[in-house]
């Protein structure tokens, strides 16, 4: 299990594109404040609306800017199991410390369906899924 404080970052935009400079400033301010970790594409609401390329860009910037000075989690949950699998594989490849997964939203799966969804994606990845820190 993780310990400490993690900030779910907003994804700043300017003129329709991700504002990389503003995102880097947000990350730097969190690190300077002594945060344990940051969550890129977390629970701030924009995750379902980002394109695949934007998701990759946000994760890439977060990992590079944090540069091992804090933990980096990436929100990879989706209501589509295959999208969650693909996004988790990408996040792992980009160097995150852990993935933030959610139960499929809007779909209303049964308990068996929930177990099947997480069972399909969780064992396939080597990134941390909740060890003690």
C-alpha atoms as a PDB file:
ATOM      1  CA  UNK A   1       0.000   0.000   0.000  1.00  0.00           C
ATOM      2  CA  UNK A   2       1.181   3.523  -0.717  1.00  0.00           C
ATOM      3  CA  UNK A   3       1.737   5.994   2.090  1.00  0.00           C
ATOM      4  CA  UNK A   4       2.000   9.730   1.942  1.00  0.00           C
ATOM      5  CA  UNK A   5       0.271  12.405  -0.063  1.00  0.00           C
ATOM      6  CA  UNK A   6      -0.411  12.164  -3.771  1.00  0.00           C
ATOM      7  CA  UNK A   7      -1.786  15.020  -5.846  1.00  0.00           C
ATOM      8  CA  UNK A   8      -4.078  14.301  -8.790  1.00  0.00           C
ATOM      9  CA  UNK A   9      -2.918  16.946 -11.236  1.00  0.00           C
ATOM     10  CA  UNK A  10      -5.162  18.839 -13.598  1.00  0.00           C
ATOM     11  CA  UNK A  11      -4.107  18.777 -17.227  1.00  0.00           C
ATOM     12  CA  UNK A  12      -3.659  22.414 -18.252  1.00  0.00           C
ATOM     13  CA  UNK A  13      -4.533  23.453 -21.797  1.00  0.00           C
ATOM     14  CA  UNK A  14      -3.764  26.565 -23.816  1.00  0.00           C
ATOM     15  CA  UNK A  15      -5.188  27.217 -27.266  1.00  0.00           C
ATOM     16  CA  UNK A  16      -6.512  23.645 -27.542  1.00  0.00           C
ATOM     17  CA  UNK A  17      -3.217  21.937 -26.728  1.00  0.00           C
ATOM     18  CA  UNK A  18      -1.687  20.648 -23.517  1.00  0.00           C
ATOM     19  CA  UNK A  19       0.213  23.478 -21.861  1.00  0.00           C
ATOM     20  CA  UNK A  20       3.420  21.569 -21.153  1.00  0.00           C
ATOM     21  CA  UNK A  21       5.083  24.503 -19.402  1.00  0.00           C
ATOM     22  CA  UNK A  22       2.148  24.903 -17.010  1.00  0.00           C
ATOM     23  CA  UNK A  23       2.066  21.138 -16.378  1.00  0.00           C
ATOM     24  CA  UNK A  24       5.779  21.137 -15.583  1.00  0.00           C
ATOM     25  CA  UNK A  25       5.274  24.099 -13.228  1.00  0.00           C
ATOM     26  CA  UNK A  26       2.474  22.227 -11.415  1.00  0.00           C
ATOM     27  CA  UNK A  27       4.721  19.182 -11.004  1.00  0.00           C
ATOM     28  CA  UNK A  28       7.652  21.265  -9.791  1.00  0.00           C
ATOM     29  CA  UNK A  29       5.492  23.055  -7.208  1.00  0.00           C
ATOM     30  CA  UNK A  30       4.207  19.721  -5.860  1.00  0.00           C
ATOM     31  CA  UNK A  31       7.728  18.330  -5.555  1.00  0.00           C
ATOM     32  CA  UNK A  32       8.952  21.517  -3.855  1.00  0.00           C
ATOM     33  CA  UNK A  33       6.098  21.167  -1.350  1.00  0.00           C
ATOM     34  CA  UNK A  34       7.307  17.683  -0.402  1.00  0.00           C
ATOM     35  CA  UNK A  35       4.597  15.613  -2.060  1.00  0.00           C
ATOM     36  CA  UNK A  36       5.040  11.823  -2.032  1.00  0.00           C
ATOM     37  CA  UNK A  37       3.742  11.453  -5.548  1.00  0.00           C
ATOM     38  CA  UNK A  38       1.719  12.857  -8.388  1.00  0.00           C
ATOM     39  CA  UNK A  39      -1.113  11.323 -10.350  1.00  0.00           C
ATOM     40  CA  UNK A  40      -1.112  12.148 -14.050  1.00  0.00           C
ATOM     41  CA  UNK A  41      -4.528  11.753 -15.674  1.00  0.00           C
ATOM     42  CA  UNK A  42      -6.066  11.057 -12.312  1.00  0.00           C
ATOM     43  CA  UNK A  43      -9.463  11.900 -10.964  1.00  0.00           C
ATOM     44  CA  UNK A  44      -9.724  15.533 -11.984  1.00  0.00           C
ATOM     45  CA  UNK A  45     -12.255  14.814 -14.727  1.00  0.00           C
ATOM     46  CA  UNK A  46     -10.412  15.133 -18.008  1.00  0.00           C
ATOM     47  CA  UNK A  47      -9.238  11.528 -18.387  1.00  0.00           C
ATOM     48  CA  UNK A  48     -12.148  10.327 -20.562  1.00  0.00           C
ATOM     49  CA  UNK A  49     -11.778  13.295 -22.913  1.00  0.00           C
ATOM     50  CA  UNK A  50      -8.042  13.165 -23.656  1.00  0.00           C
ATOM     51  CA  UNK A  51      -6.919  11.618 -26.931  1.00  0.00           C
ATOM     52  CA  UNK A  52      -4.470   8.711 -26.879  1.00  0.00           C
ATOM     53  CA  UNK A  53      -1.642  11.050 -27.924  1.00  0.00           C
ATOM     54  CA  UNK A  54      -2.557  13.568 -25.211  1.00  0.00           C
ATOM     55  CA  UNK A  55      -2.611  10.826 -22.563  1.00  0.00           C
ATOM     56  CA  UNK A  56       0.833   9.688 -23.658  1.00  0.00           C
ATOM     57  CA  UNK A  57       2.142  13.262 -23.651  1.00  0.00           C
ATOM     58  CA  UNK A  58       0.899  13.958 -20.116  1.00  0.00           C
ATOM     59  CA  UNK A  59       2.418  10.742 -18.759  1.00  0.00           C
ATOM     60  CA  UNK A  60       5.697  11.331 -20.592  1.00  0.00           C
ATOM     61  CA  UNK A  61       5.977  14.901 -19.237  1.00  0.00           C
ATOM     62  CA  UNK A  62       5.106  13.794 -15.686  1.00  0.00           C
ATOM     63  CA  UNK A  63       7.717  11.030 -15.623  1.00  0.00           C
ATOM     64  CA  UNK A  64      10.414  13.229 -17.141  1.00  0.00           C
ATOM     65  CA  UNK A  65       9.748  16.253 -14.905  1.00  0.00           C
ATOM     66  CA  UNK A  66       9.464  14.190 -11.710  1.00  0.00           C
ATOM     67  CA  UNK A  67      12.752  12.499 -12.615  1.00  0.00           C
ATOM     68  CA  UNK A  68      12.475  10.060  -9.671  1.00  0.00           C
ATOM     69  CA  UNK A  69      12.073  12.929  -7.161  1.00  0.00           C
ATOM     70  CA  UNK A  70       8.576  11.675  -6.355  1.00  0.00           C
ATOM     71  CA  UNK A  71       6.419   8.744  -7.349  1.00  0.00           C
ATOM     72  CA  UNK A  72       4.381   9.018 -10.533  1.00  0.00           C
ATOM     73  CA  UNK A  73       1.047   7.264 -10.893  1.00  0.00           C
ATOM     74  CA  UNK A  74      -0.854   7.310 -14.158  1.00  0.00           C
ATOM     75  CA  UNK A  75      -4.603   7.041 -14.441  1.00  0.00           C
ATOM     76  CA  UNK A  76      -5.153   4.240 -16.933  1.00  0.00           C
ATOM     77  CA  UNK A  77      -8.720   3.267 -16.121  1.00  0.00           C
ATOM     78  CA  UNK A  78     -11.412   3.141 -18.761  1.00  0.00           C
ATOM     79  CA  UNK A  79     -14.889   1.792 -19.252  1.00  0.00           C
ATOM     80  CA  UNK A  80     -13.369  -0.298 -22.065  1.00  0.00           C
ATOM     81  CA  UNK A  81     -11.174  -3.056 -20.643  1.00  0.00           C
ATOM     82  CA  UNK A  82      -8.893  -3.249 -23.695  1.00  0.00           C
ATOM     83  CA  UNK A  83      -8.258   0.510 -23.533  1.00  0.00           C
ATOM     84  CA  UNK A  84      -7.277   0.151 -19.873  1.00  0.00           C
ATOM     85  CA  UNK A  85      -4.937  -2.715 -20.740  1.00  0.00           C
ATOM     86  CA  UNK A  86      -3.307  -0.755 -23.555  1.00  0.00           C
ATOM     87  CA  UNK A  87      -2.986   2.437 -21.493  1.00  0.00           C
ATOM     88  CA  UNK A  88      -1.491   0.532 -18.554  1.00  0.00           C
ATOM     89  CA  UNK A  89       1.077  -1.125 -20.819  1.00  0.00           C
ATOM     90  CA  UNK A  90       1.985   2.284 -22.248  1.00  0.00           C
ATOM     91  CA  UNK A  91       2.274   3.869 -18.801  1.00  0.00           C
ATOM     92  CA  UNK A  92       4.533   1.035 -17.678  1.00  0.00           C
ATOM     93  CA  UNK A  93       6.714   1.498 -20.766  1.00  0.00           C
ATOM     94  CA  UNK A  94       6.940   5.250 -20.067  1.00  0.00           C
ATOM     95  CA  UNK A  95       8.264   4.600 -16.553  1.00  0.00           C
ATOM     96  CA  UNK A  96       5.442   5.251 -14.093  1.00  0.00           C
ATOM     97  CA  UNK A  97       5.633   3.744 -10.622  1.00  0.00           C
ATOM     98  CA  UNK A  98       2.018   2.586 -10.561  1.00  0.00           C
ATOM     99  CA  UNK A  99      -1.264   2.722 -12.420  1.00  0.00           C
ATOM    100  CA  UNK A 100      -4.547   4.061 -11.100  1.00  0.00           C
ATOM    101  CA  UNK A 101      -7.320   1.786 -12.337  1.00  0.00           C
ATOM    102  CA  UNK A 102     -11.059   2.180 -11.944  1.00  0.00           C
ATOM    103  CA  UNK A 103     -14.012  -0.119 -12.307  1.00  0.00           C
ATOM    104  CA  UNK A 104     -15.648   0.276 -15.713  1.00  0.00           C
ATOM    105  CA  UNK A 105     -17.925   3.283 -15.459  1.00  0.00           C
ATOM    106  CA  UNK A 106     -21.330   3.579 -17.112  1.00  0.00           C
ATOM    107  CA  UNK A 107     -21.411  -0.157 -17.880  1.00  0.00           C
ATOM    108  CA  UNK A 108     -22.788  -1.434 -14.534  1.00  0.00           C
ATOM    109  CA  UNK A 109     -21.015  -4.829 -14.605  1.00  0.00           C
ATOM    110  CA  UNK A 110     -21.918  -7.594 -12.173  1.00  0.00           C
ATOM    111  CA  UNK A 111     -19.474  -8.558  -9.396  1.00  0.00           C
ATOM    112  CA  UNK A 112     -18.234 -11.368 -11.636  1.00  0.00           C
ATOM    113  CA  UNK A 113     -17.793  -8.871 -14.462  1.00  0.00           C
ATOM    114  CA  UNK A 114     -15.785  -6.566 -12.198  1.00  0.00           C
ATOM    115  CA  UNK A 115     -13.485  -9.435 -11.227  1.00  0.00           C
ATOM    116  CA  UNK A 116     -13.087 -10.393 -14.871  1.00  0.00           C
ATOM    117  CA  UNK A 117     -12.262  -6.852 -15.924  1.00  0.00           C
ATOM    118  CA  UNK A 118      -9.540  -6.351 -13.331  1.00  0.00           C
ATOM    119  CA  UNK A 119      -8.300  -9.922 -13.703  1.00  0.00           C
ATOM    120  CA  UNK A 120      -7.706  -9.379 -17.397  1.00  0.00           C
ATOM    121  CA  UNK A 121      -5.475  -6.370 -16.902  1.00  0.00           C
ATOM    122  CA  UNK A 122      -3.796  -6.593 -13.504  1.00  0.00           C
ATOM    123  CA  UNK A 123      -1.572  -9.686 -13.882  1.00  0.00           C
ATOM    124  CA  UNK A 124      -0.167  -8.482 -17.196  1.00  0.00           C
ATOM    125  CA  UNK A 125       1.842  -5.621 -15.731  1.00  0.00           C
ATOM    126  CA  UNK A 126       4.954  -5.332 -13.614  1.00  0.00           C
ATOM    127  CA  UNK A 127       4.352  -1.797 -12.318  1.00  0.00           C
ATOM    128  CA  UNK A 128       3.341  -1.399  -8.719  1.00  0.00           C
ATOM    129  CA  UNK A 129      -0.291  -1.971  -7.868  1.00  0.00           C
ATOM    130  CA  UNK A 130      -0.169  -0.943  -4.240  1.00  0.00           C
ATOM    131  CA  UNK A 131       2.931  -2.033  -2.320  1.00  0.00           C
ATOM    132  CA  UNK A 132       3.966  -0.325   0.916  1.00  0.00           C
ATOM    133  CA  UNK A 133       6.086   2.782   0.550  1.00  0.00           C
END
